[in-house]
PDB file of N, CA and C in Angstrom:
ATOM      1  N   MET A   1      65.401 198.235 218.437  1.00  0.00           N
ATOM      2  CA  MET A   1      64.700 197.374 219.541  1.00  0.00           C
ATOM      3  C   MET A   1      65.763 196.518 220.084  1.00  0.00           C
ATOM      4  N   LEU A   2      65.901 196.606 221.665  1.00  0.00           N
ATOM      5  CA  LEU A   2      67.009 195.853 222.257  1.00  0.00           C
ATOM      6  C   LEU A   2      66.248 194.492 222.722  1.00  0.00           C
ATOM      7  N   TYR A   3      67.008 193.358 222.654  1.00  0.00           N
ATOM      8  CA  TYR A   3      66.490 192.084 222.987  1.00  0.00           C
ATOM      9  C   TYR A   3      67.523 191.349 223.860  1.00  0.00           C
ATOM     10  N   LEU A   4      67.060 190.787 224.980  1.00  0.00           N
ATOM     11  CA  LEU A   4      68.207 190.193 225.946  1.00  0.00           C
ATOM     12  C   LEU A   4      67.813 188.776 225.752  1.00  0.00           C
ATOM     13  N   PHE A   5      69.271 187.886 225.128  1.00  0.00           N
ATOM     14  CA  PHE A   5      69.029 186.645 224.859  1.00  0.00           C
ATOM     15  C   PHE A   5      70.012 186.102 225.740  1.00  0.00           C
ATOM     16  N   ASN A   6      69.868 185.331 226.792  1.00  0.00           N
ATOM     17  CA  ASN A   6      70.519 184.700 227.733  1.00  0.00           C
ATOM     18  C   ASN A   6      71.348 186.007 228.552  1.00  0.00           C
ATOM     19  N   GLU A   7      72.833 186.104 228.218  1.00  0.00           N
ATOM     20  CA  GLU A   7      73.536 186.875 228.852  1.00  0.00           C
ATOM     21  C   GLU A   7      73.728 188.177 228.074  1.00  0.00           C
ATOM     22  N   SER A   8      73.290 188.244 226.811  1.00  0.00           N
ATOM     23  CA  SER A   8      73.674 189.315 225.944  1.00  0.00           C
ATOM     24  C   SER A   8      72.576 190.123 225.653  1.00  0.00           C
ATOM     25  N   VAL A   9      72.557 191.444 225.681  1.00  0.00           N
ATOM     26  CA  VAL A   9      71.735 192.520 225.157  1.00  0.00           C
ATOM     27  C   VAL A   9      72.076 192.783 223.735  1.00  0.00           C
ATOM     28  N   MET A  10      71.232 192.707 222.623  1.00  0.00           N
ATOM     29  CA  MET A  10      71.538 192.758 221.227  1.00  0.00           C
ATOM     30  C   MET A  10      70.394 194.016 220.747  1.00  0.00           C
ATOM     31  N   GLU A  11      70.926 194.814 219.749  1.00  0.00           N
ATOM     32  CA  GLU A  11      69.967 195.528 219.302  1.00  0.00           C
ATOM     33  C   GLU A  11      69.668 194.819 217.976  1.00  0.00           C
ATOM     34  N   ILE A  12      68.254 194.745 217.602  1.00  0.00           N
ATOM     35  CA  ILE A  12      67.819 193.794 216.593  1.00  0.00           C
ATOM     36  C   ILE A  12      67.349 194.281 215.497  1.00  0.00           C
ATOM     37  N   ASP A  13      67.334 195.923 215.345  1.00  0.00           N
ATOM     38  CA  ASP A  13      66.930 196.368 214.130  1.00  0.00           C
ATOM     39  C   ASP A  13      67.838 195.854 213.222  1.00  0.00           C
ATOM     40  N   GLY A  14      67.034 195.573 212.005  1.00  0.00           N
ATOM     41  CA  GLY A  14      67.748 195.323 210.781  1.00  0.00           C
ATOM     42  C   GLY A  14      68.083 193.838 210.792  1.00  0.00           C
ATOM     43  N   LEU A  15      67.338 192.815 211.440  1.00  0.00           N
ATOM     44  CA  LEU A  15      67.237 191.556 211.673  1.00  0.00           C
ATOM     45  C   LEU A  15      67.787 190.873 210.112  1.00  0.00           C
ATOM     46  N   GLY A  16      67.230 191.211 208.966  1.00  0.00           N
ATOM     47  CA  GLY A  16      67.470 190.717 207.765  1.00  0.00           C
ATOM     48  C   GLY A  16      66.268 189.868 207.431  1.00  0.00           C
ATOM     49  N   ALA A  17      66.279 189.504 206.345  1.00  0.00           N
ATOM     50  CA  ALA A  17      65.078 188.855 205.689  1.00  0.00           C
ATOM     51  C   ALA A  17      65.153 187.526 206.075  1.00  0.00           C
ATOM     52  N   MET A  18      64.072 186.732 206.782  1.00  0.00           N
ATOM     53  CA  MET A  18      64.203 185.381 206.672  1.00  0.00           C
ATOM     54  C   MET A  18      63.314 184.808 205.469  1.00  0.00           C
ATOM     55  N   PRO A  19      63.793 183.757 204.982  1.00  0.00           N
ATOM     56  CA  PRO A  19      62.911 183.200 203.717  1.00  0.00           C
ATOM     57  C   PRO A  19      61.524 183.068 204.187  1.00  0.00           C
ATOM     58  N   VAL A  20      60.382 183.362 203.250  1.00  0.00           N
ATOM     59  CA  VAL A  20      59.300 183.311 203.759  1.00  0.00           C
ATOM     60  C   VAL A  20      58.860 182.087 203.998  1.00  0.00           C
ATOM     61  N   GLU A  21      59.311 180.857 203.462  1.00  0.00           N
ATOM     62  CA  GLU A  21      58.951 179.631 203.766  1.00  0.00           C
ATOM     63  C   GLU A  21      59.590 179.142 205.109  1.00  0.00           C
ATOM     64  N   VAL A  22      60.723 179.507 205.492  1.00  0.00           N
ATOM     65  CA  VAL A  22      61.160 179.168 206.784  1.00  0.00           C
ATOM     66  C   VAL A  22      60.261 179.993 207.792  1.00  0.00           C
ATOM     67  N   ALA A  23      59.987 181.055 207.753  1.00  0.00           N
ATOM     68  CA  ALA A  23      59.068 181.894 208.537  1.00  0.00           C
ATOM     69  C   ALA A  23      57.670 181.370 208.941  1.00  0.00           C
ATOM     70  N   ARG A  24      57.161 180.874 207.698  1.00  0.00           N
ATOM     71  CA  ARG A  24      55.947 180.142 207.540  1.00  0.00           C
ATOM     72  C   ARG A  24      55.896 178.816 208.629  1.00  0.00           C
ATOM     73  N   ARG A  25      57.207 177.970 208.302  1.00  0.00           N
ATOM     74  CA  ARG A  25      57.364 176.687 208.894  1.00  0.00           C
ATOM     75  C   ARG A  25      57.414 177.019 210.725  1.00  0.00           C
ATOM     76  N   ILE A  26      58.194 178.044 210.865  1.00  0.00           N
ATOM     77  CA  ILE A  26      58.547 178.612 212.338  1.00  0.00           C
ATOM     78  C   ILE A  26      56.997 178.884 212.631  1.00  0.00           C
ATOM     79  N   ALA A  27      56.273 179.637 212.057  1.00  0.00           N
ATOM     80  CA  ALA A  27      54.948 180.341 212.582  1.00  0.00           C
ATOM     81  C   ALA A  27      54.097 179.147 212.768  1.00  0.00           C
ATOM     82  N   ALA A  28      54.100 178.242 212.129  1.00  0.00           N
ATOM     83  CA  ALA A  28      53.074 176.744 212.200  1.00  0.00           C
ATOM     84  C   ALA A  28      53.704 175.922 213.171  1.00  0.00           C
ATOM     85  N   THR A  29      54.884 176.104 213.690  1.00  0.00           N
ATOM     86  CA  THR A  29      55.374 175.391 214.710  1.00  0.00           C
ATOM     87  C   THR A  29      55.074 175.683 216.286  1.00  0.00           C
ATOM     88  N   GLY A  30      54.838 174.776 217.244  1.00  0.00           N
ATOM     89  CA  GLY A  30      54.381 175.225 218.467  1.00  0.00           C
ATOM     90  C   GLY A  30      55.581 175.778 219.127  1.00  0.00           C
ATOM     91  N   LEU A  31      55.167 176.660 220.269  1.00  0.00           N
ATOM     92  CA  LEU A  31      56.357 177.395 220.845  1.00  0.00           C
ATOM     93  C   LEU A  31      57.274 176.659 221.531  1.00  0.00           C
ATOM     94  N   ASP A  32      56.677 175.493 222.106  1.00  0.00           N
ATOM     95  CA  ASP A  32      57.651 174.537 222.993  1.00  0.00           C
ATOM     96  C   ASP A  32      58.613 173.777 221.868  1.00  0.00           C
ATOM     97  N   GLU A  33      58.249 173.626 220.781  1.00  0.00           N
ATOM     98  CA  GLU A  33      59.128 172.979 219.824  1.00  0.00           C
ATOM     99  C   GLU A  33      60.197 174.119 219.289  1.00  0.00           C
ATOM    100  N   VAL A  34      59.715 175.352 219.011  1.00  0.00           N
ATOM    101  CA  VAL A  34      60.826 176.156 218.868  1.00  0.00           C
ATOM    102  C   VAL A  34      61.678 176.516 219.844  1.00  0.00           C
ATOM    103  N   LEU A  35      61.094 176.636 221.180  1.00  0.00           N
ATOM    104  CA  LEU A  35      62.091 176.617 222.204  1.00  0.00           C
ATOM    105  C   LEU A  35      63.216 175.451 222.304  1.00  0.00           C
ATOM    106  N   GLY A  36      62.582 174.078 221.969  1.00  0.00           N
ATOM    107  CA  GLY A  36      63.660 173.014 221.941  1.00  0.00           C
ATOM    108  C   GLY A  36      64.633 173.319 220.783  1.00  0.00           C
ATOM    109  N   MET A  37      64.201 173.468 219.745  1.00  0.00           N
ATOM    110  CA  MET A  37      65.129 174.084 218.715  1.00  0.00           C
ATOM    111  C   MET A  37      66.373 174.936 219.024  1.00  0.00           C
ATOM    112  N   VAL A  38      65.908 176.049 219.797  1.00  0.00           N
ATOM    113  CA  VAL A  38      66.757 177.075 220.330  1.00  0.00           C
ATOM    114  C   VAL A  38      67.630 176.539 221.405  1.00  0.00           C
ATOM    115  N   ALA A  39      67.120 175.685 222.370  1.00  0.00           N
ATOM    116  CA  ALA A  39      67.789 174.969 223.220  1.00  0.00           C
ATOM    117  C   ALA A  39      69.145 174.007 222.647  1.00  0.00           C
ATOM    118  N   ASP A  40      68.548 173.484 221.736  1.00  0.00           N
ATOM    119  CA  ASP A  40      69.726 172.515 220.930  1.00  0.00           C
ATOM    120  C   ASP A  40      70.453 173.257 220.052  1.00  0.00           C
ATOM    121  N   ALA A  41      70.422 174.496 219.600  1.00  0.00           N
ATOM    122  CA  ALA A  41      71.265 175.279 219.167  1.00  0.00           C
ATOM    123  C   ALA A  41      72.270 175.893 220.133  1.00  0.00           C
ATOM    124  N   VAL A  42      72.005 176.348 221.430  1.00  0.00           N
ATOM    125  CA  VAL A  42      72.519 176.597 222.341  1.00  0.00           C
ATOM    126  C   VAL A  42      73.359 175.607 223.182  1.00  0.00           C
ATOM    127  N   ARG A  43      72.747 174.269 222.861  1.00  0.00           N
ATOM    128  CA  ARG A  43      73.672 173.129 223.478  1.00  0.00           C
ATOM    129  C   ARG A  43      74.941 172.965 222.443  1.00  0.00           C
ATOM    130  N   ARG A  44      74.773 173.097 221.007  1.00  0.00           N
ATOM    131  CA  ARG A  44      75.766 172.809 220.068  1.00  0.00           C
ATOM    132  C   ARG A  44      76.783 173.849 219.969  1.00  0.00           C
ATOM    133  N   ASP A  45      76.330 175.128 220.486  1.00  0.00           N
ATOM    134  CA  ASP A  45      77.166 176.217 220.476  1.00  0.00           C
ATOM    135  C   ASP A  45      76.879 177.088 221.691  1.00  0.00           C
ATOM    136  N   SER A  46      77.749 176.624 222.765  1.00  0.00           N
ATOM    137  CA  SER A  46      77.392 177.387 224.259  1.00  0.00           C
ATOM    138  C   SER A  46      77.513 178.787 223.943  1.00  0.00           C
ATOM    139  N   LYS A  47      78.361 179.498 223.068  1.00  0.00           N
ATOM    140  CA  LYS A  47      78.782 180.948 223.057  1.00  0.00           C
ATOM    141  C   LYS A  47      77.707 181.658 221.917  1.00  0.00           C
ATOM    142  N   LEU A  48      76.546 180.933 221.662  1.00  0.00           N
ATOM    143  CA  LEU A  48      75.746 181.535 220.824  1.00  0.00           C
ATOM    144  C   LEU A  48      75.000 182.958 220.976  1.00  0.00           C
ATOM    145  N   ALA A  49      75.072 183.044 222.411  1.00  0.00           N
ATOM    146  CA  ALA A  49      74.469 184.449 222.759  1.00  0.00           C
ATOM    147  C   ALA A  49      75.239 185.538 222.444  1.00  0.00           C
ATOM    148  N   GLN A  50      76.936 185.162 222.368  1.00  0.00           N
ATOM    149  CA  GLN A  50      77.770 186.053 222.247  1.00  0.00           C
ATOM    150  C   GLN A  50      78.336 186.417 220.845  1.00  0.00           C
ATOM    151  N   SER A  51      77.455 185.621 219.732  1.00  0.00           N
ATOM    152  CA  SER A  51      77.535 185.935 218.533  1.00  0.00           C
ATOM    153  C   SER A  51      76.458 186.648 217.731  1.00  0.00           C
ATOM    154  N   PRO A  52      76.704 187.780 217.564  1.00  0.00           N
ATOM    155  CA  PRO A  52      75.390 188.581 217.044  1.00  0.00           C
ATOM    156  C   PRO A  52      74.833 187.935 215.714  1.00  0.00           C
ATOM    157  N   ALA A  53      75.298 187.595 214.823  1.00  0.00           N
ATOM    158  CA  ALA A  53      74.879 186.810 213.339  1.00  0.00           C
ATOM    159  C   ALA A  53      74.116 185.621 213.991  1.00  0.00           C
ATOM    160  N   LYS A  54      74.548 184.741 214.859  1.00  0.00           N
ATOM    161  CA  LYS A  54      73.790 183.425 215.190  1.00  0.00           C
ATOM    162  C   LYS A  54      72.619 183.795 215.884  1.00  0.00           C
ATOM    163  N   ALA A  55      72.907 184.567 217.080  1.00  0.00           N
ATOM    164  CA  ALA A  55      71.895 185.076 218.039  1.00  0.00           C
ATOM    165  C   ALA A  55      70.663 185.880 217.292  1.00  0.00           C
ATOM    166  N   ARG A  56      70.946 186.580 216.406  1.00  0.00           N
ATOM    167  CA  ARG A  56      69.814 187.401 215.644  1.00  0.00           C
ATOM    168  C   ARG A  56      68.942 186.370 214.781  1.00  0.00           C
ATOM    169  N   ARG A  57      69.605 185.188 214.466  1.00  0.00           N
ATOM    170  CA  ARG A  57      68.381 184.250 213.876  1.00  0.00           C
ATOM    171  C   ARG A  57      67.724 183.482 214.682  1.00  0.00           C
ATOM    172  N   VAL A  58      68.145 183.112 215.767  1.00  0.00           N
ATOM    173  CA  VAL A  58      67.535 182.560 216.866  1.00  0.00           C
ATOM    174  C   VAL A  58      66.390 183.651 217.508  1.00  0.00           C
ATOM    175  N   ILE A  59      66.749 184.855 217.722  1.00  0.00           N
ATOM    176  CA  ILE A  59      65.912 186.001 218.159  1.00  0.00           C
ATOM    177  C   ILE A  59      64.682 185.957 217.258  1.00  0.00           C
ATOM    178  N   GLN A  60      65.076 186.213 215.966  1.00  0.00           N
ATOM    179  CA  GLN A  60      64.135 186.309 214.952  1.00  0.00           C
ATOM    180  C   GLN A  60      62.906 185.024 214.991  1.00  0.00           C
ATOM    181  N   MET A  61      63.529 183.900 215.257  1.00  0.00           N
ATOM    182  CA  MET A  61      62.709 182.832 215.388  1.00  0.00           C
ATOM    183  C   MET A  61      61.733 182.931 216.558  1.00  0.00           C
ATOM    184  N   LEU A  62      62.312 183.570 217.920  1.00  0.00           N
ATOM    185  CA  LEU A  62      61.672 183.761 218.910  1.00  0.00           C
ATOM    186  C   LEU A  62      60.481 184.725 218.819  1.00  0.00           C
ATOM    187  N   LEU A  63      60.680 185.939 217.924  1.00  0.00           N
ATOM    188  CA  LEU A  63      59.676 187.108 217.816  1.00  0.00           C
ATOM    189  C   LEU A  63      58.798 186.593 216.898  1.00  0.00           C
ATOM    190  N   ILE A  64      58.970 185.611 216.044  1.00  0.00           N
ATOM    191  CA  ILE A  64      57.830 185.115 215.283  1.00  0.00           C
ATOM    192  C   ILE A  64      56.865 184.294 216.066  1.00  0.00           C
ATOM    193  N   LYS A  65      57.166 183.917 217.029  1.00  0.00           N
ATOM    194  CA  LYS A  65      56.214 183.050 217.847  1.00  0.00           C
ATOM    195  C   LYS A  65      56.158 183.971 219.075  1.00  0.00           C
ATOM    196  N   ALA A  66      56.580 184.800 219.566  1.00  0.00           N
ATOM    197  CA  ALA A  66      56.178 185.677 220.685  1.00  0.00           C
ATOM    198  C   ALA A  66      56.832 187.196 220.440  1.00  0.00           C
ATOM    199  N   PRO A  67      55.951 187.798 219.416  1.00  0.00           N
ATOM    200  CA  PRO A  67      56.571 189.173 219.273  1.00  0.00           C
ATOM    201  C   PRO A  67      56.258 190.212 220.334  1.00  0.00           C
ATOM    202  N   GLN A  68      55.563 189.939 221.316  1.00  0.00           N
ATOM    203  CA  GLN A  68      55.518 191.065 222.569  1.00  0.00           C
ATOM    204  C   GLN A  68      56.723 190.711 223.474  1.00  0.00           C
ATOM    205  N   MET A  69      57.589 189.763 223.511  1.00  0.00           N
ATOM    206  CA  MET A  69      58.532 189.502 224.467  1.00  0.00           C
ATOM    207  C   MET A  69      60.003 190.249 223.706  1.00  0.00           C
ATOM    208  N   ASN A  70      60.623 190.562 224.906  1.00  0.00           N
ATOM    209  CA  ASN A  70      62.113 191.190 224.565  1.00  0.00           C
ATOM    210  C   ASN A  70      63.123 190.448 225.312  1.00  0.00           C
ATOM    211  N   ALA A  71      62.780 189.306 225.876  1.00  0.00           N
ATOM    212  CA  ALA A  71      63.887 188.673 226.702  1.00  0.00           C
ATOM    213  C   ALA A  71      63.581 187.067 226.655  1.00  0.00           C
ATOM    214  N   ALA A  72      64.731 186.541 226.610  1.00  0.00           N
ATOM    215  CA  ALA A  72      64.545 185.045 226.435  1.00  0.00           C
ATOM    216  C   ALA A  72      65.965 184.471 227.359  1.00  0.00           C
ATOM    217  N   LEU A  73      65.665 183.381 228.173  1.00  0.00           N
ATOM    218  CA  LEU A  73      66.656 182.584 228.778  1.00  0.00           C
ATOM    219  C   LEU A  73      66.580 181.324 228.408  1.00  0.00           C
ATOM    220  N   ILE A  74      67.415 180.880 227.712  1.00  0.00           N
ATOM    221  CA  ILE A  74      67.116 179.205 227.095  1.00  0.00           C
ATOM    222  C   ILE A  74      68.407 178.542 227.396  1.00  0.00           C
ATOM    223  N   LEU A  75      68.249 177.900 228.223  1.00  0.00           N
ATOM    224  CA  LEU A  75      69.469 176.725 228.497  1.00  0.00           C
ATOM    225  C   LEU A  75      69.343 175.592 228.477  1.00  0.00           C
ATOM    226  N   PRO A  76      70.016 174.592 227.773  1.00  0.00           N
ATOM    227  CA  PRO A  76      69.743 173.214 227.358  1.00  0.00           C
ATOM    228  C   PRO A  76      69.890 172.372 228.809  1.00  0.00           C
ATOM    229  N   SER A  77      69.343 171.387 228.817  1.00  0.00           N
ATOM    230  CA  SER A  77      69.726 170.517 229.987  1.00  0.00           C
ATOM    231  C   SER A  77      71.393 170.098 229.891  1.00  0.00           C
ATOM    232  N   HIS A  78      71.998 169.858 231.151  1.00  0.00           N
ATOM    233  CA  HIS A  78      73.369 169.653 231.199  1.00  0.00           C
ATOM    234  C   HIS A  78      73.561 168.881 232.290  1.00  0.00           C
ATOM    235  N   GLU A  79      74.427 167.932 232.042  1.00  0.00           N
ATOM    236  CA  GLU A  79      75.027 167.074 233.138  1.00  0.00           C
ATOM    237  C   GLU A  79      74.091 166.806 234.173  1.00  0.00           C
ATOM    238  N   GLY A  80      72.839 166.300 233.935  1.00  0.00           N
ATOM    239  CA  GLY A  80      71.664 165.885 234.787  1.00  0.00           C
ATOM    240  C   GLY A  80      70.823 167.081 235.359  1.00  0.00           C
ATOM    241  N   GLN A  81      71.176 168.262 234.710  1.00  0.00           N
ATOM    242  CA  GLN A  81      70.479 169.465 235.241  1.00  0.00           C
ATOM    243  C   GLN A  81      69.441 169.716 234.111  1.00  0.00           C
ATOM    244  N   PRO A  82      68.244 170.203 234.778  1.00  0.00           N
ATOM    245  CA  PRO A  82      67.031 170.411 233.651  1.00  0.00           C
ATOM    246  C   PRO A  82      67.502 171.460 232.898  1.00  0.00           C
ATOM    247  N   GLY A  83      66.993 171.738 231.648  1.00  0.00           N
ATOM    248  CA  GLY A  83      67.013 172.792 230.860  1.00  0.00           C
ATOM    249  C   GLY A  83      66.009 174.111 231.348  1.00  0.00           C
ATOM    250  N   GLU A  84      66.190 175.208 230.890  1.00  0.00           N
ATOM    251  CA  GLU A  84      65.395 176.215 231.243  1.00  0.00           C
ATOM    252  C   GLU A  84      64.741 176.962 229.879  1.00  0.00           C
ATOM    253  N   ALA A  85      63.707 177.322 229.747  1.00  0.00           N
ATOM    254  CA  ALA A  85      63.048 178.249 228.798  1.00  0.00           C
ATOM    255  C   ALA A  85      62.093 179.060 229.382  1.00  0.00           C
ATOM    256  N   ARG A  86      62.531 180.405 229.188  1.00  0.00           N
ATOM    257  CA  ARG A  86      61.640 181.272 229.802  1.00  0.00           C
ATOM    258  C   ARG A  86      61.748 182.460 228.778  1.00  0.00           C
ATOM    259  N   LEU A  87      60.591 183.158 228.346  1.00  0.00           N
ATOM    260  CA  LEU A  87      60.267 184.484 227.744  1.00  0.00           C
ATOM    261  C   LEU A  87      59.877 185.688 228.659  1.00  0.00           C
ATOM    262  N   SER A  88      60.250 186.564 228.471  1.00  0.00           N
ATOM    263  CA  SER A  88      59.481 187.704 229.119  1.00  0.00           C
ATOM    264  C   SER A  88      59.610 189.022 228.290  1.00  0.00           C
ATOM    265  N   SER A  89      58.682 189.976 228.964  1.00  0.00           N
ATOM    266  CA  SER A  89      58.925 191.288 228.464  1.00  0.00           C
ATOM    267  C   SER A  89      59.305 192.118 229.422  1.00  0.00           C
ATOM    268  N   ILE A  90      60.493 192.646 229.488  1.00  0.00           N
ATOM    269  CA  ILE A  90      61.077 193.411 230.483  1.00  0.00           C
ATOM    270  C   ILE A  90      60.812 194.902 230.060  1.00  0.00           C
ATOM    271  N   GLY A  91      60.770 195.696 231.179  1.00  0.00           N
ATOM    272  CA  GLY A  91      60.859 197.166 230.803  1.00  0.00           C
ATOM    273  C   GLY A  91      62.038 197.779 230.422  1.00  0.00           C
ATOM    274  N   LEU A  92      61.682 198.830 229.506  1.00  0.00           N
ATOM    275  CA  LEU A  92      62.528 199.380 228.617  1.00  0.00           C
ATOM    276  C   LEU A  92      63.794 199.846 229.270  1.00  0.00           C
ATOM    277  N   ASP A  93      63.547 200.713 230.375  1.00  0.00           N
ATOM    278  CA  ASP A  93      64.479 201.062 231.526  1.00  0.00           C
ATOM    279  C   ASP A  93      65.435 200.073 232.062  1.00  0.00           C
ATOM    280  N   ALA A  94      64.787 198.946 232.071  1.00  0.00           N
ATOM    281  CA  ALA A  94      65.721 197.815 232.708  1.00  0.00           C
ATOM    282  C   ALA A  94      66.581 197.238 231.351  1.00  0.00           C
ATOM    283  N   ILE A  95      66.102 196.941 230.261  1.00  0.00           N
ATOM    284  CA  ILE A  95      66.948 196.429 229.336  1.00  0.00           C
ATOM    285  C   ILE A  95      67.701 197.598 228.864  1.00  0.00           C
ATOM    286  N   HIS A  96      67.619 198.752 228.831  1.00  0.00           N
ATOM    287  CA  HIS A  96      68.704 199.713 228.604  1.00  0.00           C
ATOM    288  C   HIS A  96      69.493 199.857 229.479  1.00  0.00           C
ATOM    289  N   ASP A  97      69.226 199.867 230.575  1.00  0.00           N
ATOM    290  CA  ASP A  97      70.405 199.804 231.853  1.00  0.00           C
ATOM    291  C   ASP A  97      71.551 198.551 231.697  1.00  0.00           C
ATOM    292  N   LEU A  98      70.655 197.360 231.155  1.00  0.00           N
ATOM    293  CA  LEU A  98      71.518 196.187 230.961  1.00  0.00           C
ATOM    294  C   LEU A  98      72.443 196.574 229.848  1.00  0.00           C
ATOM    295  N   HIS A  99      71.788 196.968 228.738  1.00  0.00           N
ATOM    296  CA  HIS A  99      72.697 197.445 227.561  1.00  0.00           C
ATOM    297  C   HIS A  99      73.946 198.348 228.053  1.00  0.00           C
ATOM    298  N   GLY A 100      73.561 199.196 228.704  1.00  0.00           N
ATOM    299  CA  GLY A 100      74.707 200.001 229.196  1.00  0.00           C
ATOM    300  C   GLY A 100      75.651 199.577 230.000  1.00  0.00           C
ATOM    301  N   LEU A 101      75.334 198.689 230.931  1.00  0.00           N
ATOM    302  CA  LEU A 101      76.095 197.964 231.711  1.00  0.00           C
ATOM    303  C   LEU A 101      77.110 196.833 231.045  1.00  0.00           C
ATOM    304  N   GLN A 102      76.571 196.496 230.067  1.00  0.00           N
ATOM    305  CA  GLN A 102      77.154 195.596 228.902  1.00  0.00           C
ATOM    306  C   GLN A 102      78.242 196.091 228.322  1.00  0.00           C
ATOM    307  N   ALA A 103      78.121 197.505 228.017  1.00  0.00           N
ATOM    308  CA  ALA A 103      78.855 198.260 227.166  1.00  0.00           C
ATOM    309  C   ALA A 103      80.328 198.354 228.105  1.00  0.00           C
ATOM    310  N   SER A 104      80.152 198.425 229.498  1.00  0.00           N
ATOM    311  CA  SER A 104      81.373 198.517 230.195  1.00  0.00           C
ATOM    312  C   SER A 104      81.844 197.110 230.572  1.00  0.00           C
ATOM    313  N   GLN A 105      81.210 196.277 230.733  1.00  0.00           N
ATOM    314  CA  GLN A 105      81.726 194.794 231.286  1.00  0.00           C
ATOM    315  C   GLN A 105      80.759 193.864 230.503  1.00  0.00           C
ATOM    316  N   PRO A 106      81.394 192.473 230.257  1.00  0.00           N
ATOM    317  CA  PRO A 106      80.323 191.333 230.028  1.00  0.00           C
ATOM    318  C   PRO A 106      79.448 191.170 231.044  1.00  0.00           C
ATOM    319  N   LEU A 107      78.188 190.715 230.407  1.00  0.00           N
ATOM    320  CA  LEU A 107      77.109 190.437 231.423  1.00  0.00           C
ATOM    321  C   LEU A 107      77.444 188.843 231.702  1.00  0.00           C
ATOM    322  N   THR A 108      76.957 188.376 232.739  1.00  0.00           N
ATOM    323  CA  THR A 108      77.077 186.892 233.067  1.00  0.00           C
ATOM    324  C   THR A 108      75.631 186.335 233.202  1.00  0.00           C
ATOM    325  N   LEU A 109      75.386 185.058 233.069  1.00  0.00           N
ATOM    326  CA  LEU A 109      74.284 184.344 233.385  1.00  0.00           C
ATOM    327  C   LEU A 109      73.839 184.778 234.567  1.00  0.00           C
ATOM    328  N   ASP A 110      74.574 184.486 235.829  1.00  0.00           N
ATOM    329  CA  ASP A 110      74.266 184.785 237.065  1.00  0.00           C
ATOM    330  C   ASP A 110      73.702 186.125 237.491  1.00  0.00           C
ATOM    331  N   LEU A 111      74.442 187.276 236.889  1.00  0.00           N
ATOM    332  CA  LEU A 111      74.032 188.413 237.096  1.00  0.00           C
ATOM    333  C   LEU A 111      72.594 188.910 236.409  1.00  0.00           C
ATOM    334  N   VAL A 112      72.620 188.214 235.203  1.00  0.00           N
ATOM    335  CA  VAL A 112      71.223 188.499 234.633  1.00  0.00           C
ATOM    336  C   VAL A 112      69.933 187.893 235.153  1.00  0.00           C
ATOM    337  N   ARG A 113      70.237 186.557 235.666  1.00  0.00           N
ATOM    338  CA  ARG A 113      69.499 185.680 236.504  1.00  0.00           C
ATOM    339  C   ARG A 113      69.046 186.716 237.672  1.00  0.00           C
ATOM    340  N   ARG A 114      69.875 187.471 238.285  1.00  0.00           N
ATOM    341  CA  ARG A 114      69.619 188.051 239.568  1.00  0.00           C
ATOM    342  C   ARG A 114      68.738 189.163 239.397  1.00  0.00           C
ATOM    343  N   LEU A 115      69.123 190.002 238.108  1.00  0.00           N
ATOM    344  CA  LEU A 115      68.347 191.208 237.943  1.00  0.00           C
ATOM    345  C   LEU A 115      67.284 191.203 237.178  1.00  0.00           C
ATOM    346  N   VAL A 116      67.022 190.006 236.278  1.00  0.00           N
ATOM    347  CA  VAL A 116      65.928 189.775 235.307  1.00  0.00           C
ATOM    348  C   VAL A 116      65.063 188.833 235.908  1.00  0.00           C
ATOM    349  N   TRP A 117      65.519 187.618 235.893  1.00  0.00           N
ATOM    350  CA  TRP A 117      64.672 186.438 235.991  1.00  0.00           C
ATOM    351  C   TRP A 117      64.156 186.214 237.567  1.00  0.00           C
ATOM    352  N   THR A 118      64.840 186.752 238.673  1.00  0.00           N
ATOM    353  CA  THR A 118      64.325 186.484 239.790  1.00  0.00           C
ATOM    354  C   THR A 118      63.461 187.526 240.306  1.00  0.00           C
ATOM    355  N   ALA A 119      63.397 189.007 239.392  1.00  0.00           N
ATOM    356  CA  ALA A 119      62.538 190.033 239.690  1.00  0.00           C
ATOM    357  C   ALA A 119      61.189 189.715 239.200  1.00  0.00           C
ATOM    358  N   PRO A 120      60.343 190.434 239.534  1.00  0.00           N
ATOM    359  CA  PRO A 120      59.029 190.108 239.102  1.00  0.00           C
ATOM    360  C   PRO A 120      59.007 190.791 237.699  1.00  0.00           C
ATOM    361  N   ALA A 121      58.459 189.900 236.978  1.00  0.00           N
ATOM    362  CA  ALA A 121      58.340 190.335 235.362  1.00  0.00           C
ATOM    363  C   ALA A 121      57.149 191.098 234.905  1.00  0.00           C
ATOM    364  N   SER A 122      57.027 191.735 233.971  1.00  0.00           N
ATOM    365  CA  SER A 122      55.754 192.266 233.564  1.00  0.00           C
ATOM    366  C   SER A 122      54.941 191.427 232.895  1.00  0.00           C
ATOM    367  N   ALA A 123      55.524 190.551 232.103  1.00  0.00           N
ATOM    368  CA  ALA A 123      54.615 189.666 231.342  1.00  0.00           C
ATOM    369  C   ALA A 123      55.879 188.568 230.795  1.00  0.00           C
ATOM    370  N   GLU A 124      55.322 187.340 231.455  1.00  0.00           N
ATOM    371  CA  GLU A 124      56.351 186.224 231.478  1.00  0.00           C
ATOM    372  C   GLU A 124      55.782 185.144 230.885  1.00  0.00           C
ATOM    373  N   MET A 125      56.319 184.168 230.034  1.00  0.00           N
ATOM    374  CA  MET A 125      55.813 182.962 229.591  1.00  0.00           C
ATOM    375  C   MET A 125      56.696 181.964 230.062  1.00  0.00           C
ATOM    376  N   ARG A 126      56.266 180.761 230.385  1.00  0.00           N
ATOM    377  CA  ARG A 126      57.013 179.616 230.975  1.00  0.00           C
ATOM    378  C   ARG A 126      57.202 179.518 232.042  1.00  0.00           C
TER     379      ARG A 126
END
């Protein structure tokens, strides 16, 4: 399965086992709180989306809360600008196209916003 997290498309097969107690706590936590935790993680590490190991842990948390989604744009507030937290289920063709594009050049947030987040989404939360 491919998952778009901010400006990176990742293959998430084999996410690894999350400790059962951690998964239970995440499942019992509200979506807004989980999105806040992810935004805090991005605030602490602005390159989190480019770190497969770190990003996979975050994606795993998001999949526990919204398993039908395959894309997340989560940006913390910065220098007076409001944060942004959006989840979506984007089409397989679109995510495969992004993955192929990423293989030839790094994706940017501006490009991903233009191609994914300003286009009509098939199913979007937030």
